[in-house]
Every structure is written in structure tokens, then in C-alpha cells.
Amino acid sequence: FGIRTMGWYRQAPGKQRELVATITR
């Protein structure tokens, strides 16, 4: 209940996790 957004992040070896894409309801 109460979802604001859903999305995808990615993390390559040795790197920080980064945002790929998000989508709202």
C-alpha cells in the first residue's frame, strides 16, 4: 500500500549503485 515509485538501479563491480530509471504510479 502507498507506493510512490518503483524503479531500477544497477551496480557494477567496484562501483556505487546508481539509478537507472524510475516510474510513478
mmCIF file of all heavy atoms, coordinates in Angstrom:
data_MODEL
# 
_entry.id   MODEL 
# 
loop_
_atom_site.group_PDB 
_atom_site.id 
_atom_site.type_symbol 
_atom_site.label_atom_id 
_atom_site.label_alt_id 
_atom_site.label_comp_id 
_atom_site.label_asym_id 
_atom_site.label_entity_id 
_atom_site.label_seq_id 
_atom_site.pdbx_PDB_ins_code 
_atom_site.Cartn_x 
_atom_site.Cartn_y 
_atom_site.Cartn_z 
_atom_site.occupancy 
_atom_site.B_iso_or_equiv 
_atom_site.pdbx_formal_charge 
_atom_site.auth_seq_id 
_atom_site.auth_comp_id 
_atom_site.auth_asym_id 
_atom_site.auth_atom_id 
_atom_site.pdbx_PDB_model_num 
ATOM 1   N N   . PHE A 1 1  ? 0.832  -1.186 0.000   1.00 0.00 ? 1  PHE A N   1 
ATOM 2   C CA  . PHE A 1 1  ? 0.000  0.000  0.000   1.00 0.00 ? 1  PHE A CA  1 
ATOM 3   C C   . PHE A 1 1  ? 0.870  1.240  0.000   1.00 0.00 ? 1  PHE A C   1 
ATOM 4   O O   . PHE A 1 1  ? 1.974  1.254  0.543   1.00 0.00 ? 1  PHE A O   1 
ATOM 5   C CB  . PHE A 1 1  ? -0.915 0.018  1.240   1.00 0.00 ? 1  PHE A CB  1 
ATOM 6   C CG  . PHE A 1 1  ? -1.799 -1.181 1.363   1.00 0.00 ? 1  PHE A CG  1 
ATOM 7   C CD1 . PHE A 1 1  ? -1.460 -2.225 2.207   1.00 0.00 ? 1  PHE A CD1 1 
ATOM 8   C CD2 . PHE A 1 1  ? -2.977 -1.261 0.644   1.00 0.00 ? 1  PHE A CD2 1 
ATOM 9   C CE1 . PHE A 1 1  ? -2.281 -3.331 2.330   1.00 0.00 ? 1  PHE A CE1 1 
ATOM 10  C CE2 . PHE A 1 1  ? -3.808 -2.362 0.755   1.00 0.00 ? 1  PHE A CE2 1 
ATOM 11  C CZ  . PHE A 1 1  ? -3.457 -3.396 1.608   1.00 0.00 ? 1  PHE A CZ  1 
ATOM 12  N N   . GLY A 1 2  ? 0.391  2.306  -0.598  1.00 0.00 ? 2  GLY A N   1 
ATOM 13  C CA  . GLY A 1 2  ? 1.076  3.584  -0.557  1.00 0.00 ? 2  GLY A CA  1 
ATOM 14  C C   . GLY A 1 2  ? 2.367  3.652  -1.343  1.00 0.00 ? 2  GLY A C   1 
ATOM 15  O O   . GLY A 1 2  ? 3.303  4.331  -0.923  1.00 0.00 ? 2  GLY A O   1 
ATOM 16  N N   . ILE A 1 3  ? 2.432  2.990  -2.483  1.00 0.00 ? 3  ILE A N   1 
ATOM 17  C CA  . ILE A 1 3  ? 3.629  3.021  -3.318  1.00 0.00 ? 3  ILE A CA  1 
ATOM 18  C C   . ILE A 1 3  ? 3.789  4.399  -3.940  1.00 0.00 ? 3  ILE A C   1 
ATOM 19  O O   . ILE A 1 3  ? 2.840  4.936  -4.520  1.00 0.00 ? 3  ILE A O   1 
ATOM 20  C CB  . ILE A 1 3  ? 3.565  1.949  -4.406  1.00 0.00 ? 3  ILE A CB  1 
ATOM 21  C CG1 . ILE A 1 3  ? 3.569  0.556  -3.783  1.00 0.00 ? 3  ILE A CG1 1 
ATOM 22  C CG2 . ILE A 1 3  ? 4.743  2.092  -5.370  1.00 0.00 ? 3  ILE A CG2 1 
ATOM 23  C CD1 . ILE A 1 3  ? 3.319  -0.557 -4.784  1.00 0.00 ? 3  ILE A CD1 1 
ATOM 24  N N   . ARG A 1 4  ? 4.994  4.955  -3.844  1.00 0.00 ? 4  ARG A N   1 
ATOM 25  C CA  . ARG A 1 4  ? 5.284  6.219  -4.506  1.00 0.00 ? 4  ARG A CA  1 
ATOM 26  C C   . ARG A 1 4  ? 5.902  5.973  -5.872  1.00 0.00 ? 4  ARG A C   1 
ATOM 27  O O   . ARG A 1 4  ? 5.390  6.437  -6.888  1.00 0.00 ? 4  ARG A O   1 
ATOM 28  C CB  . ARG A 1 4  ? 6.214  7.092  -3.657  1.00 0.00 ? 4  ARG A CB  1 
ATOM 29  C CG  . ARG A 1 4  ? 6.444  8.473  -4.268  1.00 0.00 ? 4  ARG A CG  1 
ATOM 30  C CD  . ARG A 1 4  ? 7.252  9.377  -3.376  1.00 0.00 ? 4  ARG A CD  1 
ATOM 31  N NE  . ARG A 1 4  ? 8.659  8.988  -3.346  1.00 0.00 ? 4  ARG A NE  1 
ATOM 32  C CZ  . ARG A 1 4  ? 9.621  9.716  -2.804  1.00 0.00 ? 4  ARG A CZ  1 
ATOM 33  N NH1 . ARG A 1 4  ? 9.327  10.876 -2.229  1.00 0.00 ? 4  ARG A NH1 1 
ATOM 34  N NH2 . ARG A 1 4  ? 10.871 9.281  -2.811  1.00 0.00 ? 4  ARG A NH2 1 
ATOM 35  N N   . THR A 1 5  ? 7.023  5.259  -5.893  1.00 0.00 ? 5  THR A N   1 
ATOM 36  C CA  . THR A 1 5  ? 7.683  4.940  -7.149  1.00 0.00 ? 5  THR A CA  1 
ATOM 37  C C   . THR A 1 5  ? 8.192  3.508  -7.137  1.00 0.00 ? 5  THR A C   1 
ATOM 38  O O   . THR A 1 5  ? 8.397  2.907  -6.087  1.00 0.00 ? 5  THR A O   1 
ATOM 39  C CB  . THR A 1 5  ? 8.880  5.862  -7.436  1.00 0.00 ? 5  THR A CB  1 
ATOM 40  O OG1 . THR A 1 5  ? 9.881  5.673  -6.434  1.00 0.00 ? 5  THR A OG1 1 
ATOM 41  C CG2 . THR A 1 5  ? 8.470  7.328  -7.462  1.00 0.00 ? 5  THR A CG2 1 
ATOM 42  N N   . MET A 1 6  ? 8.408  2.974  -8.318  1.00 0.00 ? 6  MET A N   1 
ATOM 43  C CA  . MET A 1 6  ? 9.172  1.758  -8.498  1.00 0.00 ? 6  MET A CA  1 
ATOM 44  C C   . MET A 1 6  ? 10.251 2.053  -9.524  1.00 0.00 ? 6  MET A C   1 
ATOM 45  O O   . MET A 1 6  ? 10.088 2.941  -10.369 1.00 0.00 ? 6  MET A O   1 
ATOM 46  C CB  . MET A 1 6  ? 8.301  0.594  -8.962  1.00 0.00 ? 6  MET A CB  1 
ATOM 47  C CG  . MET A 1 6  ? 7.260  0.163  -7.933  1.00 0.00 ? 6  MET A CG  1 
ATOM 48  S SD  . MET A 1 6  ? 6.314  -1.296 -8.439  1.00 0.00 ? 6  MET A SD  1 
ATOM 49  C CE  . MET A 1 6  ? 7.567  -2.576 -8.291  1.00 0.00 ? 6  MET A CE  1 
ATOM 50  N N   . GLY A 1 7  ? 11.345 1.329  -9.435  1.00 0.00 ? 7  GLY A N   1 
ATOM 51  C CA  . GLY A 1 7  ? 12.409 1.615  -10.366 1.00 0.00 ? 7  GLY A CA  1 
ATOM 52  C C   . GLY A 1 7  ? 13.497 0.572  -10.376 1.00 0.00 ? 7  GLY A C   1 
ATOM 53  O O   . GLY A 1 7  ? 13.390 -0.484 -9.744  1.00 0.00 ? 7  GLY A O   1 
ATOM 54  N N   . TRP A 1 8  ? 14.531 0.902  -11.126 1.00 0.00 ? 8  TRP A N   1 
ATOM 55  C CA  . TRP A 1 8  ? 15.679 0.021  -11.296 1.00 0.00 ? 8  TRP A CA  1 
ATOM 56  C C   . TRP A 1 8  ? 16.961 0.758  -10.990 1.00 0.00 ? 8  TRP A C   1 
ATOM 57  O O   . TRP A 1 8  ? 17.144 1.914  -11.405 1.00 0.00 ? 8  TRP A O   1 
ATOM 58  C CB  . TRP A 1 8  ? 15.743 -0.523 -12.724 1.00 0.00 ? 8  TRP A CB  1 
ATOM 59  C CG  . TRP A 1 8  ? 14.627 -1.453 -13.065 1.00 0.00 ? 8  TRP A CG  1 
ATOM 60  C CD1 . TRP A 1 8  ? 13.439 -1.136 -13.644 1.00 0.00 ? 8  TRP A CD1 1 
ATOM 61  C CD2 . TRP A 1 8  ? 14.606 -2.864 -12.843 1.00 0.00 ? 8  TRP A CD2 1 
ATOM 62  N NE1 . TRP A 1 8  ? 12.666 -2.257 -13.796 1.00 0.00 ? 8  TRP A NE1 1 
ATOM 63  C CE2 . TRP A 1 8  ? 13.358 -3.337 -13.319 1.00 0.00 ? 8  TRP A CE2 1 
ATOM 64  C CE3 . TRP A 1 8  ? 15.510 -3.771 -12.297 1.00 0.00 ? 8  TRP A CE3 1 
ATOM 65  C CZ2 . TRP A 1 8  ? 13.001 -4.691 -13.253 1.00 0.00 ? 8  TRP A CZ2 1 
ATOM 66  C CZ3 . TRP A 1 8  ? 15.153 -5.108 -12.234 1.00 0.00 ? 8  TRP A CZ3 1 
ATOM 67  C CH2 . TRP A 1 8  ? 13.915 -5.552 -12.713 1.00 0.00 ? 8  TRP A CH2 1 
ATOM 68  N N   . TYR A 1 9  ? 17.841 0.089  -10.279 1.00 0.00 ? 9  TYR A N   1 
ATOM 69  C CA  . TYR A 1 9  ? 19.185 0.550  -10.022 1.00 0.00 ? 9  TYR A CA  1 
ATOM 70  C C   . TYR A 1 9  ? 20.149 -0.524 -10.495 1.00 0.00 ? 9  TYR A C   1 
ATOM 71  O O   . TYR A 1 9  ? 19.760 -1.674 -10.693 1.00 0.00 ? 9  TYR A O   1 
ATOM 72  C CB  . TYR A 1 9  ? 19.400 0.829  -8.529  1.00 0.00 ? 9  TYR A CB  1 
ATOM 73  C CG  . TYR A 1 9  ? 18.647 2.028  -8.007  1.00 0.00 ? 9  TYR A CG  1 
ATOM 74  C CD1 . TYR A 1 9  ? 17.263 2.023  -7.898  1.00 0.00 ? 9  TYR A CD1 1 
ATOM 75  C CD2 . TYR A 1 9  ? 19.331 3.178  -7.601  1.00 0.00 ? 9  TYR A CD2 1 
ATOM 76  C CE1 . TYR A 1 9  ? 16.570 3.123  -7.416  1.00 0.00 ? 9  TYR A CE1 1 
ATOM 77  C CE2 . TYR A 1 9  ? 18.646 4.281  -7.112  1.00 0.00 ? 9  TYR A CE2 1 
ATOM 78  C CZ  . TYR A 1 9  ? 17.272 4.241  -7.021  1.00 0.00 ? 9  TYR A CZ  1 
ATOM 79  O OH  . TYR A 1 9  ? 16.592 5.332  -6.538  1.00 0.00 ? 9  TYR A OH  1 
ATOM 80  N N   . ARG A 1 10 ? 21.407 -0.152 -10.675 1.00 0.00 ? 10 ARG A N   1 
ATOM 81  C CA  . ARG A 1 10 ? 22.398 -1.144 -11.060 1.00 0.00 ? 10 ARG A CA  1 
ATOM 82  C C   . ARG A 1 10 ? 23.711 -0.874 -10.349 1.00 0.00 ? 10 ARG A C   1 
ATOM 83  O O   . ARG A 1 10 ? 23.999 0.251  -9.949  1.00 0.00 ? 10 ARG A O   1 
ATOM 84  C CB  . ARG A 1 10 ? 22.608 -1.170 -12.577 1.00 0.00 ? 10 ARG A CB  1 
ATOM 85  C CG  . ARG A 1 10 ? 23.247 0.078  -13.161 1.00 0.00 ? 10 ARG A CG  1 
ATOM 86  C CD  . ARG A 1 10 ? 23.287 -0.016 -14.672 1.00 0.00 ? 10 ARG A CD  1 
ATOM 87  N NE  . ARG A 1 10 ? 23.909 1.149  -15.282 1.00 0.00 ? 10 ARG A NE  1 
ATOM 88  C CZ  . ARG A 1 10 ? 23.957 1.375  -16.592 1.00 0.00 ? 10 ARG A CZ  1 
ATOM 89  N NH1 . ARG A 1 10 ? 23.416 0.499  -17.436 1.00 0.00 ? 10 ARG A NH1 1 
ATOM 90  N NH2 . ARG A 1 10 ? 24.551 2.467  -17.055 1.00 0.00 ? 10 ARG A NH2 1 
ATOM 91  N N   . GLN A 1 11 ? 24.485 -1.932 -10.213 1.00 0.00 ? 11 GLN A N   1 
ATOM 92  C CA  . GLN A 1 11 ? 25.783 -1.831 -9.564  1.00 0.00 ? 11 GLN A CA  1 
ATOM 93  C C   . GLN A 1 11 ? 26.776 -2.726 -10.283 1.00 0.00 ? 11 GLN A C   1 
ATOM 94  O O   . GLN A 1 11 ? 26.603 -3.940 -10.346 1.00 0.00 ? 11 GLN A O   1 
ATOM 95  C CB  . GLN A 1 11 ? 25.695 -2.217 -8.089  1.00 0.00 ? 11 GLN A CB  1 
ATOM 96  C CG  . GLN A 1 11 ? 26.969 -1.963 -7.315  1.00 0.00 ? 11 GLN A CG  1 
ATOM 97  C CD  . GLN A 1 11 ? 26.763 -2.077 -5.816  1.00 0.00 ? 11 GLN A CD  1 
ATOM 98  O OE1 . GLN A 1 11 ? 25.817 -2.706 -5.360  1.00 0.00 ? 11 GLN A OE1 1 
ATOM 99  N NE2 . GLN A 1 11 ? 27.649 -1.457 -5.051  1.00 0.00 ? 11 GLN A NE2 1 
ATOM 100 N N   . ALA A 1 12 ? 27.802 -2.106 -10.837 1.00 0.00 ? 12 ALA A N   1 
ATOM 101 C CA  . ALA A 1 12 ? 28.884 -2.825 -11.484 1.00 0.00 ? 12 ALA A CA  1 
ATOM 102 C C   . ALA A 1 12 ? 29.991 -3.078 -10.468 1.00 0.00 ? 12 ALA A C   1 
ATOM 103 O O   . ALA A 1 12 ? 30.100 -2.367 -9.464  1.00 0.00 ? 12 ALA A O   1 
ATOM 104 C CB  . ALA A 1 12 ? 29.421 -2.028 -12.668 1.00 0.00 ? 12 ALA A CB  1 
ATOM 105 N N   . PRO A 1 13 ? 30.830 -4.078 -10.706 1.00 0.00 ? 13 PRO A N   1 
ATOM 106 C CA  . PRO A 1 13 ? 31.921 -4.363 -9.769  1.00 0.00 ? 13 PRO A CA  1 
ATOM 107 C C   . PRO A 1 13 ? 32.794 -3.140 -9.510  1.00 0.00 ? 13 PRO A C   1 
ATOM 108 O O   . PRO A 1 13 ? 33.216 -2.459 -10.446 1.00 0.00 ? 13 PRO A O   1 
ATOM 109 C CB  . PRO A 1 13 ? 32.712 -5.463 -10.471 1.00 0.00 ? 13 PRO A CB  1 
ATOM 110 C CG  . PRO A 1 13 ? 31.707 -6.145 -11.341 1.00 0.00 ? 13 PRO A CG  1 
ATOM 111 C CD  . PRO A 1 13 ? 30.800 -5.044 -11.816 1.00 0.00 ? 13 PRO A CD  1 
ATOM 112 N N   . GLY A 1 14 ? 33.023 -2.846 -8.246  1.00 0.00 ? 14 GLY A N   1 
ATOM 113 C CA  . GLY A 1 14 ? 33.868 -1.730 -7.874  1.00 0.00 ? 14 GLY A CA  1 
ATOM 114 C C   . GLY A 1 14 ? 33.226 -0.364 -7.979  1.00 0.00 ? 14 GLY A C   1 
ATOM 115 O O   . GLY A 1 14 ? 33.908 0.644  -7.772  1.00 0.00 ? 14 GLY A O   1 
ATOM 116 N N   . LYS A 1 15 ? 31.945 -0.308 -8.300  1.00 0.00 ? 15 LYS A N   1 
ATOM 117 C CA  . LYS A 1 15 ? 31.266 0.968  -8.453  1.00 0.00 ? 15 LYS A CA  1 
ATOM 118 C C   . LYS A 1 15 ? 30.090 1.089  -7.491  1.00 0.00 ? 15 LYS A C   1 
ATOM 119 O O   . LYS A 1 15 ? 29.594 0.107  -6.955  1.00 0.00 ? 15 LYS A O   1 
ATOM 120 C CB  . LYS A 1 15 ? 30.776 1.146  -9.893  1.00 0.00 ? 15 LYS A CB  1 
ATOM 121 C CG  . LYS A 1 15 ? 31.881 1.265  -10.927 1.00 0.00 ? 15 LYS A CG  1 
ATOM 122 C CD  . LYS A 1 15 ? 31.322 1.613  -12.289 1.00 0.00 ? 15 LYS A CD  1 
ATOM 123 C CE  . LYS A 1 15 ? 32.424 1.826  -13.299 1.00 0.00 ? 15 LYS A CE  1 
ATOM 124 N NZ  . LYS A 1 15 ? 31.882 2.210  -14.625 1.00 0.00 ? 15 LYS A NZ  1 
ATOM 125 N N   . GLN A 1 16 ? 29.660 2.329  -7.289  1.00 0.00 ? 16 GLN A N   1 
ATOM 126 C CA  . GLN A 1 16 ? 28.487 2.596  -6.473  1.00 0.00 ? 16 GLN A CA  1 
ATOM 127 C C   . GLN A 1 16 ? 27.220 2.180  -7.204  1.00 0.00 ? 16 GLN A C   1 
ATOM 128 O O   . GLN A 1 16 ? 27.166 2.188  -8.432  1.00 0.00 ? 16 GLN A O   1 
ATOM 129 C CB  . GLN A 1 16 ? 28.411 4.086  -6.128  1.00 0.00 ? 16 GLN A CB  1 
ATOM 130 C CG  . GLN A 1 16 ? 29.564 4.615  -5.294  1.00 0.00 ? 16 GLN A CG  1 
ATOM 131 C CD  . GLN A 1 16 ? 29.402 4.273  -3.833  1.00 0.00 ? 16 GLN A CD  1 
ATOM 132 O OE1 . GLN A 1 16 ? 28.326 3.912  -3.378  1.00 0.00 ? 16 GLN A OE1 1 
ATOM 133 N NE2 . GLN A 1 16 ? 30.483 4.396  -3.083  1.00 0.00 ? 16 GLN A NE2 1 
ATOM 134 N N   . ARG A 1 17 ? 26.207 1.831  -6.427  1.00 0.00 ? 17 ARG A N   1 
ATOM 135 C CA  . ARG A 1 17 ? 24.916 1.569  -7.019  1.00 0.00 ? 17 ARG A CA  1 
ATOM 136 C C   . ARG A 1 17 ? 24.341 2.872  -7.569  1.00 0.00 ? 17 ARG A C   1 
ATOM 137 O O   . ARG A 1 17 ? 24.384 3.915  -6.901  1.00 0.00 ? 17 ARG A O   1 
ATOM 138 C CB  . ARG A 1 17 ? 23.971 0.959  -5.981  1.00 0.00 ? 17 ARG A CB  1 
ATOM 139 C CG  . ARG A 1 17 ? 22.646 0.503  -6.551  1.00 0.00 ? 17 ARG A CG  1 
ATOM 140 C CD  . ARG A 1 17 ? 21.832 -0.270 -5.515  1.00 0.00 ? 17 ARG A CD  1 
ATOM 141 N NE  . ARG A 1 17 ? 22.495 -1.501 -5.105  1.00 0.00 ? 17 ARG A NE  1 
ATOM 142 C CZ  . ARG A 1 17 ? 21.958 -2.408 -4.300  1.00 0.00 ? 17 ARG A CZ  1 
ATOM 143 N NH1 . ARG A 1 17 ? 20.733 -2.228 -3.820  1.00 0.00 ? 17 ARG A NH1 1 
ATOM 144 N NH2 . ARG A 1 17 ? 22.646 -3.492 -3.974  1.00 0.00 ? 17 ARG A NH2 1 
ATOM 145 N N   . GLU A 1 18 ? 23.828 2.830  -8.781  1.00 0.00 ? 18 GLU A N   1 
ATOM 146 C CA  . GLU A 1 18 ? 23.324 4.027  -9.424  1.00 0.00 ? 18 GLU A CA  1 
ATOM 147 C C   . GLU A 1 18 ? 21.907 3.825  -9.935  1.00 0.00 ? 18 GLU A C   1 
ATOM 148 O O   . GLU A 1 18 ? 21.495 2.717  -10.285 1.00 0.00 ? 18 GLU A O   1 
ATOM 149 C CB  . GLU A 1 18 ? 24.231 4.442  -10.590 1.00 0.00 ? 18 GLU A CB  1 
ATOM 150 C CG  . GLU A 1 18 ? 24.281 3.441  -11.726 1.00 0.00 ? 18 GLU A CG  1 
ATOM 151 C CD  . GLU A 1 18 ? 25.103 3.919  -12.905 1.00 0.00 ? 18 GLU A CD  1 
ATOM 152 O OE1 . GLU A 1 18 ? 25.488 5.101  -12.932 1.00 0.00 ? 18 GLU A OE1 1 
ATOM 153 O OE2 . GLU A 1 18 ? 25.371 3.103  -13.816 1.00 0.00 ? 18 GLU A OE2 1 
ATOM 154 N N   . LEU A 1 19 ? 21.183 4.912  -9.993  1.00 0.00 ? 19 LEU A N   1 
ATOM 155 C CA  . LEU A 1 19 ? 19.825 4.890  -10.512 1.00 0.00 ? 19 LEU A CA  1 
ATOM 156 C C   . LEU A 1 19 ? 19.850 4.676  -12.017 1.00 0.00 ? 19 LEU A C   1 
ATOM 157 O O   . LEU A 1 19 ? 20.644 5.292  -12.733 1.00 0.00 ? 19 LEU A O   1 
ATOM 158 C CB  . LEU A 1 19 ? 19.107 6.201  -10.176 1.00 0.00 ? 19 LEU A CB  1 
ATOM 159 C CG  . LEU A 1 19 ? 17.641 6.332  -10.587 1.00 0.00 ? 19 LEU A CG  1 
ATOM 160 C CD1 . LEU A 1 19 ? 16.897 7.198  -9.573  1.00 0.00 ? 19 LEU A CD1 1 
ATOM 161 C CD2 . LEU A 1 19 ? 17.515 6.961  -11.972 1.00 0.00 ? 19 LEU A CD2 1 
ATOM 162 N N   . VAL A 1 20 ? 18.967 3.816  -12.498 1.00 0.00 ? 20 VAL A N   1 
ATOM 163 C CA  . VAL A 1 20 ? 18.786 3.599  -13.927 1.00 0.00 ? 20 VAL A CA  1 
ATOM 164 C C   . VAL A 1 20 ? 17.514 4.284  -14.408 1.00 0.00 ? 20 VAL A C   1 
ATOM 165 O O   . VAL A 1 20 ? 17.536 5.088  -15.337 1.00 0.00 ? 20 VAL A O   1 
ATOM 166 C CB  . VAL A 1 20 ? 18.741 2.103  -14.269 1.00 0.00 ? 20 VAL A CB  1 
ATOM 167 C CG1 . VAL A 1 20 ? 18.487 1.900  -15.762 1.00 0.00 ? 20 VAL A CG1 1 
ATOM 168 C CG2 . VAL A 1 20 ? 20.043 1.423  -13.853 1.00 0.00 ? 20 VAL A CG2 1 
ATOM 169 N N   . ALA A 1 21 ? 16.395 3.962  -13.778 1.00 0.00 ? 21 ALA A N   1 
ATOM 170 C CA  . ALA A 1 21 ? 15.119 4.536  -14.181 1.00 0.00 ? 21 ALA A CA  1 
ATOM 171 C C   . ALA A 1 21 ? 14.106 4.354  -13.069 1.00 0.00 ? 21 ALA A C   1 
ATOM 172 O O   . ALA A 1 21 ? 14.169 3.384  -12.315 1.00 0.00 ? 21 ALA A O   1 
ATOM 173 C CB  . ALA A 1 21 ? 14.600 3.883  -15.470 1.00 0.00 ? 21 ALA A CB  1 
ATOM 174 N N   . THR A 1 22 ? 13.166 5.277  -12.973 1.00 0.00 ? 22 THR A N   1 
ATOM 175 C CA  . THR A 1 22 ? 12.064 5.164  -12.026 1.00 0.00 ? 22 THR A CA  1 
ATOM 176 C C   . THR A 1 22 ? 10.763 5.512  -12.722 1.00 0.00 ? 22 THR A C   1 
ATOM 177 O O   . THR A 1 22 ? 10.749 6.194  -13.753 1.00 0.00 ? 22 THR A O   1 
ATOM 178 C CB  . THR A 1 22 ? 12.238 6.086  -10.803 1.00 0.00 ? 22 THR A CB  1 
ATOM 179 O OG1 . THR A 1 22 ? 12.295 7.451  -11.233 1.00 0.00 ? 22 THR A OG1 1 
ATOM 180 C CG2 . THR A 1 22 ? 13.501 5.734  -10.034 1.00 0.00 ? 22 THR A CG2 1 
ATOM 181 N N   . ILE A 1 23 ? 9.666  5.066  -12.128 1.00 0.00 ? 23 ILE A N   1 
ATOM 182 C CA  . ILE A 1 23 ? 8.344  5.365  -12.662 1.00 0.00 ? 23 ILE A CA  1 
ATOM 183 C C   . ILE A 1 23 ? 7.366  5.480  -11.509 1.00 0.00 ? 23 ILE A C   1 
ATOM 184 O O   . ILE A 1 23 ? 7.405  4.697  -10.557 1.00 0.00 ? 23 ILE A O   1 
ATOM 185 C CB  . ILE A 1 23 ? 7.901  4.297  -13.688 1.00 0.00 ? 23 ILE A CB  1 
ATOM 186 C CG1 . ILE A 1 23 ? 6.591  4.711  -14.366 1.00 0.00 ? 23 ILE A CG1 1 
ATOM 187 C CG2 . ILE A 1 23 ? 7.788  2.920  -13.040 1.00 0.00 ? 23 ILE A CG2 1 
ATOM 188 C CD1 . ILE A 1 23 ? 6.253  3.853  -15.585 1.00 0.00 ? 23 ILE A CD1 1 
ATOM 189 N N   . THR A 1 24 ? 6.498  6.468  -11.582 1.00 0.00 ? 24 THR A N   1 
ATOM 190 C CA  . THR A 1 24 ? 5.457  6.639  -10.581 1.00 0.00 ? 24 THR A CA  1 
ATOM 191 C C   . THR A 1 24 ? 4.224  5.850  -10.977 1.00 0.00 ? 24 THR A C   1 
ATOM 192 O O   . THR A 1 24 ? 4.108  5.346  -12.094 1.00 0.00 ? 24 THR A O   1 
ATOM 193 C CB  . THR A 1 24 ? 5.081  8.117  -10.416 1.00 0.00 ? 24 THR A CB  1 
ATOM 194 O OG1 . THR A 1 24 ? 4.429  8.578  -11.611 1.00 0.00 ? 24 THR A OG1 1 
ATOM 195 C CG2 . THR A 1 24 ? 6.312  8.967  -10.147 1.00 0.00 ? 24 THR A CG2 1 
ATOM 196 N N   . ARG A 1 25 ? 3.270  5.755  -10.049 1.00 0.00 ? 25 ARG A N   1 
ATOM 197 C CA  . ARG A 1 25 ? 2.028  5.064  -10.345 1.00 0.00 ? 25 ARG A CA  1 
ATOM 198 C C   . ARG A 1 25 ? 1.311  5.722  -11.515 1.00 0.00 ? 25 ARG A C   1 
ATOM 199 O O   . ARG A 1 25 ? 0.660  5.030  -12.313 1.00 0.00 ? 25 ARG A O   1 
ATOM 200 C CB  . ARG A 1 25 ? 1.129  5.051  -9.108  1.00 0.00 ? 25 ARG A CB  1 
ATOM 201 C CG  . ARG A 1 25 ? -0.178 4.312  -9.325  1.00 0.00 ? 25 ARG A CG  1 
ATOM 202 C CD  . ARG A 1 25 ? -0.980 4.212  -8.041  1.00 0.00 ? 25 ARG A CD  1 
ATOM 203 N NE  . ARG A 1 25 ? -2.257 3.570  -8.275  1.00 0.00 ? 25 ARG A NE  1 
ATOM 204 C CZ  . ARG A 1 25 ? -2.436 2.256  -8.283  1.00 0.00 ? 25 ARG A CZ  1 
ATOM 205 N NH1 . ARG A 1 25 ? -1.408 1.441  -8.053  1.00 0.00 ? 25 ARG A NH1 1 
ATOM 206 N NH2 . ARG A 1 25 ? -3.639 1.746  -8.511  1.00 0.00 ? 25 ARG A NH2 1 
# 
